[in-house]
Amino acid sequence: MLYAIIATDVENSLEKRMAARPAHLERLRELQNQGRLVLAGPTPHIDSEDPGTAGFSGSLVVAEFASLAQAQAWANTDPYVSAGVYAQVQVKPFKQVFPQ
């Protein structure tokens, strides 16, 4: 089943985010290589694709896992969690309707 992992950053997270980014991206590449990643990316803190020093307010990952527990476990071990980038991470079952 698909799960949406919705994370909210701590204030002024940009420096921590950039330091942990390589490890974070590697985990996402693993999901992609396994054919389990639907989409992933950050949510800019301002209305811009390149928010510069304004940074990001969080992240969204939609990926396939065997269970909610496995999705939660994966989310809990994200490098952004251990680096203190995320203030909160929510994992929810997700039903993709479009695109088909």
PDB file of N, CA and C in Angstrom:
ATOM      1  N   MET A   1       0.840  -1.175   0.000  1.00  0.00           N
ATOM      2  CA  MET A   1       0.000   0.000   0.000  1.00  0.00           C
ATOM      3  C   MET A   1       0.887   1.241   0.000  1.00  0.00           C
ATOM      4  N   LEU A   2       0.330   2.343  -0.491  1.00  0.00           N
ATOM      5  CA  LEU A   2       1.053   3.608  -0.480  1.00  0.00           C
ATOM      6  C   LEU A   2       0.827   4.329   0.842  1.00  0.00           C
ATOM      7  N   TYR A   3       1.849   5.104   1.238  1.00  0.00           N
ATOM      8  CA  TYR A   3       1.776   5.908   2.450  1.00  0.00           C
ATOM      9  C   TYR A   3       2.338   7.289   2.160  1.00  0.00           C
ATOM     10  N   ALA A   4       1.687   8.307   2.728  1.00  0.00           N
ATOM     11  CA  ALA A   4       2.178   9.680   2.644  1.00  0.00           C
ATOM     12  C   ALA A   4       2.927   9.982   3.928  1.00  0.00           C
ATOM     13  N   ILE A   5       4.152  10.420   3.779  1.00  0.00           N
ATOM     14  CA  ILE A   5       4.971  10.821   4.918  1.00  0.00           C
ATOM     15  C   ILE A   5       5.092  12.337   4.826  1.00  0.00           C
ATOM     16  N   ILE A   6       4.473  13.000   5.788  1.00  0.00           N
ATOM     17  CA  ILE A   6       4.364  14.456   5.781  1.00  0.00           C
ATOM     18  C   ILE A   6       5.153  14.991   6.972  1.00  0.00           C
ATOM     19  N   ALA A   7       6.217  15.709   6.676  1.00  0.00           N
ATOM     20  CA  ALA A   7       7.094  16.194   7.738  1.00  0.00           C
ATOM     21  C   ALA A   7       7.071  17.713   7.797  1.00  0.00           C
ATOM     22  N   THR A   8       7.185  18.230   9.005  1.00  0.00           N
ATOM     23  CA  THR A   8       7.264  19.667   9.241  1.00  0.00           C
ATOM     24  C   THR A   8       8.620  19.978   9.855  1.00  0.00           C
ATOM     25  N   ASP A   9       9.310  20.939   9.265  1.00  0.00           N
ATOM     26  CA  ASP A   9      10.643  21.318   9.746  1.00  0.00           C
ATOM     27  C   ASP A   9      10.564  22.160  11.023  1.00  0.00           C
ATOM     28  N   VAL A  10      11.648  22.124  11.798  1.00  0.00           N
ATOM     29  CA  VAL A  10      11.845  23.076  12.884  1.00  0.00           C
ATOM     30  C   VAL A  10      12.127  24.438  12.242  1.00  0.00           C
ATOM     31  N   GLU A  11      12.032  25.491  13.016  1.00  0.00           N
ATOM     32  CA  GLU A  11      12.384  26.821  12.513  1.00  0.00           C
ATOM     33  C   GLU A  11      13.868  26.858  12.155  1.00  0.00           C
ATOM     34  N   ASN A  12      14.198  27.596  11.126  1.00  0.00           N
ATOM     35  CA  ASN A  12      15.590  27.795  10.710  1.00  0.00           C
ATOM     36  C   ASN A  12      16.329  26.470  10.502  1.00  0.00           C
ATOM     37  N   SER A  13      15.713  25.591   9.755  1.00  0.00           N
ATOM     38  CA  SER A  13      16.256  24.242   9.550  1.00  0.00           C
ATOM     39  C   SER A  13      17.254  24.130   8.402  1.00  0.00           C
ATOM     40  N   LEU A  14      17.440  25.169   7.620  1.00  0.00           N
ATOM     41  CA  LEU A  14      18.191  25.057   6.369  1.00  0.00           C
ATOM     42  C   LEU A  14      19.605  24.495   6.556  1.00  0.00           C
ATOM     43  N   GLU A  15      20.341  24.967   7.534  1.00  0.00           N
ATOM     44  CA  GLU A  15      21.715  24.489   7.726  1.00  0.00           C
ATOM     45  C   GLU A  15      21.729  22.997   8.088  1.00  0.00           C
ATOM     46  N   LYS A  16      20.853  22.591   8.994  1.00  0.00           N
ATOM     47  CA  LYS A  16      20.760  21.181   9.375  1.00  0.00           C
ATOM     48  C   LYS A  16      20.313  20.335   8.181  1.00  0.00           C
ATOM     49  N   ARG A  17      19.362  20.859   7.421  1.00  0.00           N
ATOM     50  CA  ARG A  17      18.821  20.153   6.255  1.00  0.00           C
ATOM     51  C   ARG A  17      19.921  19.910   5.228  1.00  0.00           C
ATOM     52  N   MET A  18      20.711  20.928   4.940  1.00  0.00           N
ATOM     53  CA  MET A  18      21.754  20.788   3.924  1.00  0.00           C
ATOM     54  C   MET A  18      22.831  19.797   4.375  1.00  0.00           C
ATOM     55  N   ALA A  19      23.138  19.776   5.657  1.00  0.00           N
ATOM     56  CA  ALA A  19      24.162  18.854   6.165  1.00  0.00           C
ATOM     57  C   ALA A  19      23.701  17.395   6.054  1.00  0.00           C
ATOM     58  N   ALA A  20      22.421  17.144   6.283  1.00  0.00           N
ATOM     59  CA  ALA A  20      21.898  15.769   6.261  1.00  0.00           C
ATOM     60  C   ALA A  20      21.364  15.356   4.893  1.00  0.00           C
ATOM     61  N   ARG A  21      21.330  16.272   3.952  1.00  0.00           N
ATOM     62  CA  ARG A  21      20.703  16.022   2.644  1.00  0.00           C
ATOM     63  C   ARG A  21      21.291  14.832   1.883  1.00  0.00           C
ATOM     64  N   PRO A  22      22.605  14.671   1.782  1.00  0.00           N
ATOM     65  CA  PRO A  22      23.124  13.525   1.016  1.00  0.00           C
ATOM     66  C   PRO A  22      22.602  12.178   1.533  1.00  0.00           C
ATOM     67  N   ALA A  23      22.596  11.991   2.831  1.00  0.00           N
ATOM     68  CA  ALA A  23      22.107  10.723   3.404  1.00  0.00           C
ATOM     69  C   ALA A  23      20.606  10.578   3.193  1.00  0.00           C
ATOM     70  N   HIS A  24      19.875  11.676   3.310  1.00  0.00           N
ATOM     71  CA  HIS A  24      18.427  11.664   3.083  1.00  0.00           C
ATOM     72  C   HIS A  24      18.125  11.254   1.637  1.00  0.00           C
ATOM     73  N   LEU A  25      18.824  11.855   0.684  1.00  0.00           N
ATOM     74  CA  LEU A  25      18.603  11.546  -0.730  1.00  0.00           C
ATOM     75  C   LEU A  25      18.976  10.106  -1.061  1.00  0.00           C
ATOM     76  N   GLU A  26      20.009   9.581  -0.432  1.00  0.00           N
ATOM     77  CA  GLU A  26      20.411   8.196  -0.672  1.00  0.00           C
ATOM     78  C   GLU A  26      19.298   7.228  -0.289  1.00  0.00           C
ATOM     79  N   ARG A  27      18.634   7.481   0.821  1.00  0.00           N
ATOM     80  CA  ARG A  27      17.516   6.618   1.231  1.00  0.00           C
ATOM     81  C   ARG A  27      16.373   6.690   0.223  1.00  0.00           C
ATOM     82  N   LEU A  28      16.122   7.891  -0.297  1.00  0.00           N
ATOM     83  CA  LEU A  28      15.066   8.036  -1.300  1.00  0.00           C
ATOM     84  C   LEU A  28      15.446   7.323  -2.599  1.00  0.00           C
ATOM     85  N   ARG A  29      16.719   7.381  -2.971  1.00  0.00           N
ATOM     86  CA  ARG A  29      17.184   6.659  -4.164  1.00  0.00           C
ATOM     87  C   ARG A  29      16.986   5.155  -4.006  1.00  0.00           C
ATOM     88  N   GLU A  30      17.201   4.648  -2.802  1.00  0.00           N
ATOM     89  CA  GLU A  30      16.979   3.217  -2.544  1.00  0.00           C
ATOM     90  C   GLU A  30      15.518   2.851  -2.805  1.00  0.00           C
ATOM     91  N   LEU A  31      14.591   3.666  -2.300  1.00  0.00           N
ATOM     92  CA  LEU A  31      13.167   3.416  -2.569  1.00  0.00           C
ATOM     93  C   LEU A  31      12.880   3.488  -4.068  1.00  0.00           C
ATOM     94  N   GLN A  32      13.469   4.475  -4.730  1.00  0.00           N
ATOM     95  CA  GLN A  32      13.256   4.631  -6.172  1.00  0.00           C
ATOM     96  C   GLN A  32      13.791   3.420  -6.925  1.00  0.00           C
ATOM     97  N   ASN A  33      14.973   2.959  -6.571  1.00  0.00           N
ATOM     98  CA  ASN A  33      15.569   1.804  -7.243  1.00  0.00           C
ATOM     99  C   ASN A  33      14.762   0.536  -7.020  1.00  0.00           C
ATOM    100  N   GLN A  34      14.044   0.461  -5.918  1.00  0.00           N
ATOM    101  CA  GLN A  34      13.182  -0.676  -5.621  1.00  0.00           C
ATOM    102  C   GLN A  34      11.805  -0.536  -6.275  1.00  0.00           C
ATOM    103  N   GLY A  35      11.571   0.589  -6.959  1.00  0.00           N
ATOM    104  CA  GLY A  35      10.283   0.828  -7.611  1.00  0.00           C
ATOM    105  C   GLY A  35       9.164   1.167  -6.639  1.00  0.00           C
ATOM    106  N   ARG A  36       9.504   1.660  -5.447  1.00  0.00           N
ATOM    107  CA  ARG A  36       8.509   1.923  -4.420  1.00  0.00           C
ATOM    108  C   ARG A  36       8.218   3.407  -4.210  1.00  0.00           C
ATOM    109  N   LEU A  37       8.993   4.292  -4.810  1.00  0.00           N
ATOM    110  CA  LEU A  37       8.838   5.727  -4.606  1.00  0.00           C
ATOM    111  C   LEU A  37       7.908   6.314  -5.664  1.00  0.00           C
ATOM    112  N   VAL A  38       6.847   6.990  -5.229  1.00  0.00           N
ATOM    113  CA  VAL A  38       5.926   7.665  -6.141  1.00  0.00           C
ATOM    114  C   VAL A  38       6.382   9.102  -6.350  1.00  0.00           C
ATOM    115  N   LEU A  39       6.666   9.798  -5.265  1.00  0.00           N
ATOM    116  CA  LEU A  39       7.160  11.171  -5.346  1.00  0.00           C
ATOM    117  C   LEU A  39       7.792  11.562  -4.030  1.00  0.00           C
ATOM    118  N   ALA A  40       8.664  12.563  -4.083  1.00  0.00           N
ATOM    119  CA  ALA A  40       9.305  13.072  -2.874  1.00  0.00           C
ATOM    120  C   ALA A  40       9.835  14.463  -3.148  1.00  0.00           C
ATOM    121  N   GLY A  41       9.765  15.295  -2.135  1.00  0.00           N
ATOM    122  CA  GLY A  41      10.341  16.625  -2.270  1.00  0.00           C
ATOM    123  C   GLY A  41      10.028  17.503  -1.082  1.00  0.00           C
ATOM    124  N   PRO A  42      10.738  18.630  -1.012  1.00  0.00           N
ATOM    125  CA  PRO A  42      10.533  19.569   0.078  1.00  0.00           C
ATOM    126  C   PRO A  42       9.403  20.552  -0.236  1.00  0.00           C
ATOM    127  N   THR A  43       8.895  21.171   0.815  1.00  0.00           N
ATOM    128  CA  THR A  43       7.916  22.241   0.644  1.00  0.00           C
ATOM    129  C   THR A  43       8.632  23.556   0.966  1.00  0.00           C
ATOM    130  N   PRO A  44       8.832  24.399  -0.042  1.00  0.00           N
ATOM    131  CA  PRO A  44       9.535  25.666   0.185  1.00  0.00           C
ATOM    132  C   PRO A  44       8.792  26.541   1.213  1.00  0.00           C
ATOM    133  N   HIS A  45       9.573  27.273   1.978  1.00  0.00           N
ATOM    134  CA  HIS A  45       9.015  28.143   3.010  1.00  0.00           C
ATOM    135  C   HIS A  45       8.309  29.356   2.407  1.00  0.00           C
ATOM    136  N   ILE A  46       8.655  29.689   1.158  1.00  0.00           N
ATOM    137  CA  ILE A  46       8.008  30.797   0.455  1.00  0.00           C
ATOM    138  C   ILE A  46       7.522  30.282  -0.897  1.00  0.00           C
ATOM    139  N   ASP A  47       6.749  31.067  -1.575  1.00  0.00           N
ATOM    140  CA  ASP A  47       6.170  30.681  -2.862  1.00  0.00           C
ATOM    141  C   ASP A  47       7.211  30.807  -3.971  1.00  0.00           C
ATOM    142  N   SER A  48       8.147  29.857  -3.977  1.00  0.00           N
ATOM    143  CA  SER A  48       9.229  29.874  -4.954  1.00  0.00           C
ATOM    144  C   SER A  48       9.834  28.478  -5.043  1.00  0.00           C
ATOM    145  N   GLU A  49      10.191  28.063  -6.265  1.00  0.00           N
ATOM    146  CA  GLU A  49      10.868  26.775  -6.419  1.00  0.00           C
ATOM    147  C   GLU A  49      12.259  26.802  -5.802  1.00  0.00           C
ATOM    148  N   ASP A  50      12.879  27.981  -5.770  1.00  0.00           N
ATOM    149  CA  ASP A  50      14.194  28.143  -5.150  1.00  0.00           C
ATOM    150  C   ASP A  50      14.054  29.181  -4.038  1.00  0.00           C
ATOM    151  N   PRO A  51      13.755  28.739  -2.815  1.00  0.00           N
ATOM    152  CA  PRO A  51      13.494  29.693  -1.744  1.00  0.00           C
ATOM    153  C   PRO A  51      14.742  30.340  -1.147  1.00  0.00           C
ATOM    154  N   GLY A  52      15.914  29.926  -1.628  1.00  0.00           N
ATOM    155  CA  GLY A  52      17.155  30.521  -1.120  1.00  0.00           C
ATOM    156  C   GLY A  52      17.268  30.361   0.377  1.00  0.00           C
ATOM    157  N   THR A  53      17.650  31.431   1.044  1.00  0.00           N
ATOM    158  CA  THR A  53      17.875  31.369   2.488  1.00  0.00           C
ATOM    159  C   THR A  53      16.575  31.243   3.288  1.00  0.00           C
ATOM    160  N   ALA A  54      15.414  31.429   2.652  1.00  0.00           N
ATOM    161  CA  ALA A  54      14.141  31.230   3.354  1.00  0.00           C
ATOM    162  C   ALA A  54      13.974  29.764   3.728  1.00  0.00           C
ATOM    163  N   GLY A  55      14.589  28.876   2.948  1.00  0.00           N
ATOM    164  CA  GLY A  55      14.585  27.451   3.260  1.00  0.00           C
ATOM    165  C   GLY A  55      13.269  26.761   3.002  1.00  0.00           C
ATOM    166  N   PHE A  56      13.019  25.739   3.788  1.00  0.00           N
ATOM    167  CA  PHE A  56      11.874  24.856   3.571  1.00  0.00           C
ATOM    168  C   PHE A  56      11.080  24.691   4.856  1.00  0.00           C
ATOM    169  N   SER A  57       9.793  24.429   4.692  1.00  0.00           N
ATOM    170  CA  SER A  57       8.919  24.251   5.859  1.00  0.00           C
ATOM    171  C   SER A  57       8.664  22.783   6.161  1.00  0.00           C
ATOM    172  N   GLY A  58       9.064  21.898   5.251  1.00  0.00           N
ATOM    173  CA  GLY A  58       8.842  20.474   5.476  1.00  0.00           C
ATOM    174  C   GLY A  58       9.113  19.660   4.234  1.00  0.00           C
ATOM    175  N   SER A  59       8.597  18.428   4.234  1.00  0.00           N
ATOM    176  CA  SER A  59       8.809  17.501   3.125  1.00  0.00           C
ATOM    177  C   SER A  59       7.588  16.611   2.952  1.00  0.00           C
ATOM    178  N   LEU A  60       7.467  16.063   1.746  1.00  0.00           N
ATOM    179  CA  LEU A  60       6.428  15.087   1.448  1.00  0.00           C
ATOM    180  C   LEU A  60       7.059  13.928   0.688  1.00  0.00           C
ATOM    181  N   VAL A  61       6.775  12.716   1.153  1.00  0.00           N
ATOM    182  CA  VAL A  61       7.205  11.497   0.470  1.00  0.00           C
ATOM    183  C   VAL A  61       5.973  10.621   0.332  1.00  0.00           C
ATOM    184  N   VAL A  62       5.738  10.105  -0.866  1.00  0.00           N
ATOM    185  CA  VAL A  62       4.698   9.098  -1.077  1.00  0.00           C
ATOM    186  C   VAL A  62       5.409   7.866  -1.616  1.00  0.00           C
ATOM    187  N   ALA A  63       5.284   6.768  -0.873  1.00  0.00           N
ATOM    188  CA  ALA A  63       5.998   5.552  -1.241  1.00  0.00           C
ATOM    189  C   ALA A  63       5.220   4.326  -0.790  1.00  0.00           C
ATOM    190  N   GLU A  64       5.602   3.192  -1.364  1.00  0.00           N
ATOM    191  CA  GLU A  64       4.955   1.925  -1.044  1.00  0.00           C
ATOM    192  C   GLU A  64       5.699   1.206   0.077  1.00  0.00           C
ATOM    193  N   PHE A  65       4.928   0.745   1.046  1.00  0.00           N
ATOM    194  CA  PHE A  65       5.448  -0.061   2.148  1.00  0.00           C
ATOM    195  C   PHE A  65       4.477  -1.200   2.397  1.00  0.00           C
ATOM    196  N   ALA A  66       4.924  -2.243   3.063  1.00  0.00           N
ATOM    197  CA  ALA A  66       4.083  -3.406   3.345  1.00  0.00           C
ATOM    198  C   ALA A  66       3.026  -3.105   4.402  1.00  0.00           C
ATOM    199  N   SER A  67       3.295  -2.109   5.257  1.00  0.00           N
ATOM    200  CA  SER A  67       2.350  -1.798   6.326  1.00  0.00           C
ATOM    201  C   SER A  67       2.597  -0.382   6.839  1.00  0.00           C
ATOM    202  N   LEU A  68       1.629   0.124   7.576  1.00  0.00           N
ATOM    203  CA  LEU A  68       1.780   1.423   8.214  1.00  0.00           C
ATOM    204  C   LEU A  68       2.958   1.396   9.186  1.00  0.00           C
ATOM    205  N   ALA A  69       3.103   0.306   9.909  1.00  0.00           N
ATOM    206  CA  ALA A  69       4.213   0.185  10.857  1.00  0.00           C
ATOM    207  C   ALA A  69       5.565   0.276  10.150  1.00  0.00           C
ATOM    208  N   GLN A  70       5.689  -0.369   8.990  1.00  0.00           N
ATOM    209  CA  GLN A  70       6.952  -0.295   8.245  1.00  0.00           C
ATOM    210  C   GLN A  70       7.198   1.105   7.699  1.00  0.00           C
ATOM    211  N   ALA A  71       6.146   1.768   7.229  1.00  0.00           N
ATOM    212  CA  ALA A  71       6.285   3.143   6.745  1.00  0.00           C
ATOM    213  C   ALA A  71       6.717   4.062   7.879  1.00  0.00           C
ATOM    214  N   GLN A  72       6.116   3.886   9.044  1.00  0.00           N
ATOM    215  CA  GLN A  72       6.465   4.703  10.208  1.00  0.00           C
ATOM    216  C   GLN A  72       7.905   4.444  10.641  1.00  0.00           C
ATOM    217  N   ALA A  73       8.308   3.187  10.641  1.00  0.00           N
ATOM    218  CA  ALA A  73       9.683   2.848  11.017  1.00  0.00           C
ATOM    219  C   ALA A  73      10.684   3.472  10.049  1.00  0.00           C
ATOM    220  N   TRP A  74      10.363   3.431   8.755  1.00  0.00           N
ATOM    221  CA  TRP A  74      11.240   4.040   7.750  1.00  0.00           C
ATOM    222  C   TRP A  74      11.336   5.545   7.995  1.00  0.00           C
ATOM    223  N   ALA A  75      10.190   6.177   8.224  1.00  0.00           N
ATOM    224  CA  ALA A  75      10.167   7.624   8.467  1.00  0.00           C
ATOM    225  C   ALA A  75      10.950   7.993   9.723  1.00  0.00           C
ATOM    226  N   ASN A  76      10.829   7.184  10.758  1.00  0.00           N
ATOM    227  CA  ASN A  76      11.506   7.471  12.026  1.00  0.00           C
ATOM    228  C   ASN A  76      13.023   7.414  11.923  1.00  0.00           C
ATOM    229  N   THR A  77      13.537   6.688  10.928  1.00  0.00           N
ATOM    230  CA  THR A  77      14.989   6.554  10.787  1.00  0.00           C
ATOM    231  C   THR A  77      15.574   7.444   9.688  1.00  0.00           C
ATOM    232  N   ASP A  78      14.789   8.401   9.223  1.00  0.00           N
ATOM    233  CA  ASP A  78      15.276   9.334   8.208  1.00  0.00           C
ATOM    234  C   ASP A  78      16.405  10.182   8.794  1.00  0.00           C
ATOM    235  N   PRO A  79      17.448  10.433   8.025  1.00  0.00           N
ATOM    236  CA  PRO A  79      18.536  11.287   8.511  1.00  0.00           C
ATOM    237  C   PRO A  79      18.076  12.677   8.944  1.00  0.00           C
ATOM    238  N   TYR A  80      17.003  13.190   8.346  1.00  0.00           N
ATOM    239  CA  TYR A  80      16.494  14.490   8.772  1.00  0.00           C
ATOM    240  C   TYR A  80      15.929  14.429  10.184  1.00  0.00           C
ATOM    241  N   VAL A  81      15.426  13.274  10.594  1.00  0.00           N
ATOM    242  CA  VAL A  81      14.932  13.115  11.964  1.00  0.00           C
ATOM    243  C   VAL A  81      16.107  13.168  12.934  1.00  0.00           C
ATOM    244  N   SER A  82      17.126  12.356  12.683  1.00  0.00           N
ATOM    245  CA  SER A  82      18.270  12.307  13.602  1.00  0.00           C
ATOM    246  C   SER A  82      19.068  13.607  13.602  1.00  0.00           C
ATOM    247  N   ALA A  83      19.018  14.379  12.505  1.00  0.00           N
ATOM    248  CA  ALA A  83      19.738  15.652  12.425  1.00  0.00           C
ATOM    249  C   ALA A  83      18.954  16.802  13.050  1.00  0.00           C
ATOM    250  N   GLY A  84      17.719  16.544  13.463  1.00  0.00           N
ATOM    251  CA  GLY A  84      16.912  17.587  14.080  1.00  0.00           C
ATOM    252  C   GLY A  84      16.269  18.539  13.096  1.00  0.00           C
ATOM    253  N   VAL A  85      16.130  18.123  11.826  1.00  0.00           N
ATOM    254  CA  VAL A  85      15.483  18.956  10.810  1.00  0.00           C
ATOM    255  C   VAL A  85      13.976  18.972  11.016  1.00  0.00           C
ATOM    256  N   TYR A  86      13.404  17.817  11.306  1.00  0.00           N
ATOM    257  CA  TYR A  86      11.955  17.697  11.425  1.00  0.00           C
ATOM    258  C   TYR A  86      11.487  17.900  12.862  1.00  0.00           C
ATOM    259  N   ALA A  87      10.458  18.729  13.012  1.00  0.00           N
ATOM    260  CA  ALA A  87       9.793  18.906  14.300  1.00  0.00           C
ATOM    261  C   ALA A  87       8.727  17.843  14.486  1.00  0.00           C
ATOM    262  N   GLN A  88       8.118  17.425  13.357  1.00  0.00           N
ATOM    263  CA  GLN A  88       7.025  16.466  13.409  1.00  0.00           C
ATOM    264  C   GLN A  88       6.995  15.676  12.109  1.00  0.00           C
ATOM    265  N   VAL A  89       6.677  14.389  12.215  1.00  0.00           N
ATOM    266  CA  VAL A  89       6.515  13.532  11.044  1.00  0.00           C
ATOM    267  C   VAL A  89       5.215  12.763  11.211  1.00  0.00           C
ATOM    268  N   GLN A  90       4.365  12.870  10.200  1.00  0.00           N
ATOM    269  CA  GLN A  90       3.089  12.168  10.212  1.00  0.00           C
ATOM    270  C   GLN A  90       3.080  11.173   9.050  1.00  0.00           C
ATOM    271  N   VAL A  91       2.615   9.966   9.301  1.00  0.00           N
ATOM    272  CA  VAL A  91       2.533   8.934   8.268  1.00  0.00           C
ATOM    273  C   VAL A  91       1.074   8.509   8.160  1.00  0.00           C
ATOM    274  N   LYS A  92       0.559   8.545   6.916  1.00  0.00           N
ATOM    275  CA  LYS A  92      -0.840   8.195   6.676  1.00  0.00           C
ATOM    276  C   LYS A  92      -0.946   7.268   5.473  1.00  0.00           C
ATOM    277  N   PRO A  93      -1.882   6.322   5.516  1.00  0.00           N
ATOM    278  CA  PRO A  93      -2.166   5.549   4.307  1.00  0.00           C
ATOM    279  C   PRO A  93      -2.603   6.517   3.205  1.00  0.00           C
ATOM    280  N   PHE A  94      -2.255   6.180   1.967  1.00  0.00           N
ATOM    281  CA  PHE A  94      -2.547   7.060   0.832  1.00  0.00           C
ATOM    282  C   PHE A  94      -3.090   6.229  -0.317  1.00  0.00           C
ATOM    283  N   LYS A  95      -4.205   6.679  -0.880  1.00  0.00           N
ATOM    284  CA  LYS A  95      -4.786   5.999  -2.030  1.00  0.00           C
ATOM    285  C   LYS A  95      -4.619   6.891  -3.256  1.00  0.00           C
ATOM    286  N   GLN A  96      -3.802   6.463  -4.195  1.00  0.00           N
ATOM    287  CA  GLN A  96      -3.577   7.248  -5.410  1.00  0.00           C
ATOM    288  C   GLN A  96      -4.745   7.036  -6.367  1.00  0.00           C
ATOM    289  N   VAL A  97      -5.341   8.144  -6.804  1.00  0.00           N
ATOM    290  CA  VAL A  97      -6.435   8.106  -7.764  1.00  0.00           C
ATOM    291  C   VAL A  97      -5.947   8.572  -9.133  1.00  0.00           C
ATOM    292  N   PHE A  98      -5.172   9.653  -9.149  1.00  0.00           N
ATOM    293  CA  PHE A  98      -4.597  10.168 -10.387  1.00  0.00           C
ATOM    294  C   PHE A  98      -3.114  10.426 -10.178  1.00  0.00           C
ATOM    295  N   PRO A  99      -2.288  10.309 -11.190  1.00  0.00           N
ATOM    296  CA  PRO A  99      -2.644   9.738 -12.476  1.00  0.00           C
ATOM    297  C   PRO A  99      -2.841   8.225 -12.370  1.00  0.00           C
ATOM    298  N   GLN A 100      -3.589   7.717 -13.311  1.00  0.00           N
ATOM    299  CA  GLN A 100      -3.878   6.275 -13.325  1.00  0.00           C
ATOM    300  C   GLN A 100      -2.831   5.547 -14.110  1.00  0.00           C
TER     301      GLN A 100
END
